[in-house]
Amino acid sequence: MPLARAIPPPTKEQQRRQDAAREAGCIVARMLGLGFVPGEIHHLTEGGRTISQDHTVCLNPWSHRGEVWGQWTAAQCRRVFGPSLAREKRAFHAEYGDNVNLLVYQNALIHWPMPGEHRKRRRGATVSPSKIIPREAARR
């Protein structure tokens, strides 16, 4: 009997966002100034539970799961990428920020609004998070 999913599979829009995150590469590598490093999607959690398909970031295998790269040792991976989320969660968040900071950085990198903010529906167009005006400010 297959296991039940904690969250539903991504919608087409959520999948587009996750594809854009993968194309941009690992956010840890970007924060460190290393440029593009391939990554995989990490679902952010709160209280040990996955939040949603909208709350994801792209991390390299070391930063995400603590998997070493090729011939590198764990010590070499840690020297280059810092602490691994899987191996040293507190140190990882102390170095790179909490889940909100990671999500803000990811969405700014791929020019995607934060969950709950509106997105323009023109084909191929994205809205920079800095261009989205909260409703309260728009009414003034």
Protein backbone atom coordinates (compact mmCIF):
# COMPACT_ATOMS: atom_id res chain seq x y z
CA MET A 1 0.00 0.00 0.00
CA PRO A 2 1.55 3.36 -1.02
CA LEU A 3 2.26 5.96 1.66
CA ALA A 4 0.05 9.04 1.77
CA ARG A 5 1.67 12.33 0.73
CA ALA A 6 2.10 14.98 3.41
CA ILE A 7 1.11 17.63 0.86
CA PRO A 8 -0.53 17.41 -2.56
CA PRO A 9 1.65 17.29 -5.69
CA PRO A 10 2.57 20.70 -7.15
CA THR A 11 0.16 22.51 -9.44
CA LYS A 12 1.43 23.62 -12.85
CA GLU A 13 2.24 27.08 -11.44
CA GLN A 14 4.06 25.59 -8.44
CA GLN A 15 5.99 23.27 -10.75
CA ARG A 16 7.03 26.26 -12.90
CA ARG A 17 8.33 27.98 -9.77
CA GLN A 18 10.27 24.90 -8.68
CA ASP A 19 11.73 24.51 -12.19
CA ALA A 20 12.81 28.18 -12.11
CA ALA A 21 14.47 27.58 -8.72
CA ARG A 22 16.38 24.56 -10.10
CA GLU A 23 17.47 26.59 -13.14
CA ALA A 24 18.81 29.32 -10.81
CA GLY A 25 20.73 26.73 -8.79
CA CYS A 26 21.55 26.37 -5.12
CA ILE A 27 20.79 29.44 -3.01
CA VAL A 28 23.59 28.63 -0.54
CA ALA A 29 26.13 28.72 -3.37
CA ARG A 30 24.62 32.03 -4.55
CA MET A 31 24.83 33.49 -1.03
CA LEU A 32 28.49 32.45 -0.84
CA GLY A 33 29.26 34.03 -4.22
CA LEU A 34 30.06 30.67 -5.85
CA GLY A 35 27.70 31.24 -8.78
CA PHE A 36 25.61 28.45 -10.25
CA VAL A 37 25.76 25.10 -8.48
CA PRO A 38 23.09 22.51 -9.41
CA GLY A 39 20.56 21.76 -6.73
CA GLU A 40 17.41 19.98 -5.74
CA ILE A 41 14.15 21.18 -4.25
CA HIS A 42 13.90 21.31 -0.46
CA HIS A 43 10.43 21.69 1.07
CA LEU A 44 10.56 24.03 4.05
CA THR A 45 9.03 22.75 7.26
CA GLU A 46 7.41 24.21 10.35
CA GLY A 47 7.08 22.15 13.49
CA GLY A 48 8.44 19.13 11.63
CA ARG A 49 5.75 19.28 8.93
CA THR A 50 6.10 20.30 5.29
CA ILE A 51 4.45 23.69 4.78
CA SER A 52 3.42 23.57 1.10
CA GLN A 53 4.66 23.28 -2.48
CA ASP A 54 4.98 27.09 -2.47
CA HIS A 55 7.49 27.00 0.40
CA THR A 56 10.49 25.45 -1.33
CA VAL A 57 14.11 26.42 -2.00
CA CYS A 58 16.85 24.95 -4.16
CA LEU A 59 19.84 23.50 -2.28
CA ASN A 60 22.83 21.47 -3.43
CA PRO A 61 22.94 17.85 -2.17
CA TRP A 62 25.44 18.69 0.62
CA SER A 63 23.46 21.66 1.93
CA HIS A 64 20.16 19.75 1.63
CA ARG A 65 20.82 16.12 2.62
CA GLY A 66 24.44 16.15 3.77
CA GLU A 67 25.52 14.09 0.74
CA VAL A 68 29.20 14.55 -0.20
CA TRP A 69 30.13 15.60 -3.75
CA GLY A 70 32.09 13.15 -5.91
CA GLN A 71 35.50 12.55 -4.36
CA TRP A 72 35.15 15.26 -1.69
CA THR A 73 35.00 14.41 1.99
CA ALA A 74 32.36 15.79 4.35
CA ALA A 75 34.99 18.16 5.77
CA GLN A 76 35.77 19.53 2.29
CA CYS A 77 32.05 20.00 1.54
CA ARG A 78 31.59 21.84 4.84
CA ARG A 79 34.58 24.10 4.12
CA VAL A 80 33.14 25.08 0.74
CA PHE A 81 29.37 25.16 1.44
CA GLY A 82 29.19 25.52 5.22
CA PRO A 83 26.95 23.45 7.47
CA SER A 84 24.47 20.97 6.02
CA LEU A 85 20.78 21.37 6.87
CA ALA A 86 20.45 17.60 7.40
CA ARG A 87 23.57 17.27 9.56
CA GLU A 88 23.61 20.59 11.45
CA LYS A 89 20.22 22.27 11.29
CA ARG A 90 20.91 24.96 13.90
CA ALA A 91 24.29 25.87 12.41
CA PHE A 92 22.75 25.96 8.92
CA HIS A 93 20.02 28.39 9.97
CA ALA A 94 22.49 30.50 11.96
CA GLU A 95 24.64 30.81 8.83
CA TYR A 96 21.97 31.29 6.14
CA GLY A 97 18.86 32.49 7.99
CA ASP A 98 15.53 31.02 8.97
CA ASN A 99 12.96 29.56 6.57
CA VAL A 100 11.43 32.96 5.83
CA ASN A 101 14.83 34.43 4.88
CA LEU A 102 15.60 31.44 2.67
CA LEU A 103 12.23 31.73 0.91
CA VAL A 104 12.58 35.50 0.42
CA TYR A 105 16.06 35.02 -1.06
CA GLN A 106 14.87 32.22 -3.37
CA ASN A 107 11.85 34.14 -4.63
CA ALA A 108 13.86 37.33 -5.20
CA LEU A 109 16.46 35.31 -7.14
CA ILE A 110 13.84 33.90 -9.50
CA HIS A 111 11.66 37.05 -9.52
CA TRP A 112 8.68 35.28 -7.97
CA PRO A 113 6.20 36.77 -5.46
CA MET A 114 5.95 35.40 -1.96
CA PRO A 115 3.17 32.87 -1.26
CA GLY A 116 -0.15 34.70 -0.96
CA GLU A 117 0.95 37.63 -3.13
CA HIS A 118 -0.58 38.03 -6.56
CA ARG A 119 1.25 37.21 -9.76
CA LYS A 120 0.61 38.85 -13.12
CA ARG A 121 -1.03 36.46 -15.55
CA ARG A 122 0.61 37.69 -18.77
CA ARG A 123 2.29 34.80 -20.54
CA GLY A 124 5.99 34.64 -19.62
CA ALA A 125 5.83 37.70 -17.36
CA THR A 126 6.93 37.69 -13.76
CA VAL A 127 6.57 40.35 -11.11
CA SER A 128 9.53 41.41 -9.00
CA PRO A 129 8.73 41.12 -5.27
CA SER A 130 9.71 44.80 -4.91
CA LYS A 131 6.95 45.77 -7.41
CA ILE A 132 4.13 44.17 -5.43
CA ILE A 133 2.24 46.74 -3.36
CA PRO A 134 0.34 45.58 -0.26
CA ARG A 135 -3.39 46.36 -0.43
CA GLU A 136 -3.15 48.81 2.48
CA ALA A 137 -0.52 50.89 0.67
CA ALA A 138 -2.44 50.79 -2.63
CA ARG A 139 -5.55 52.30 -0.96
CA ARG A 140 -3.68 55.40 0.27
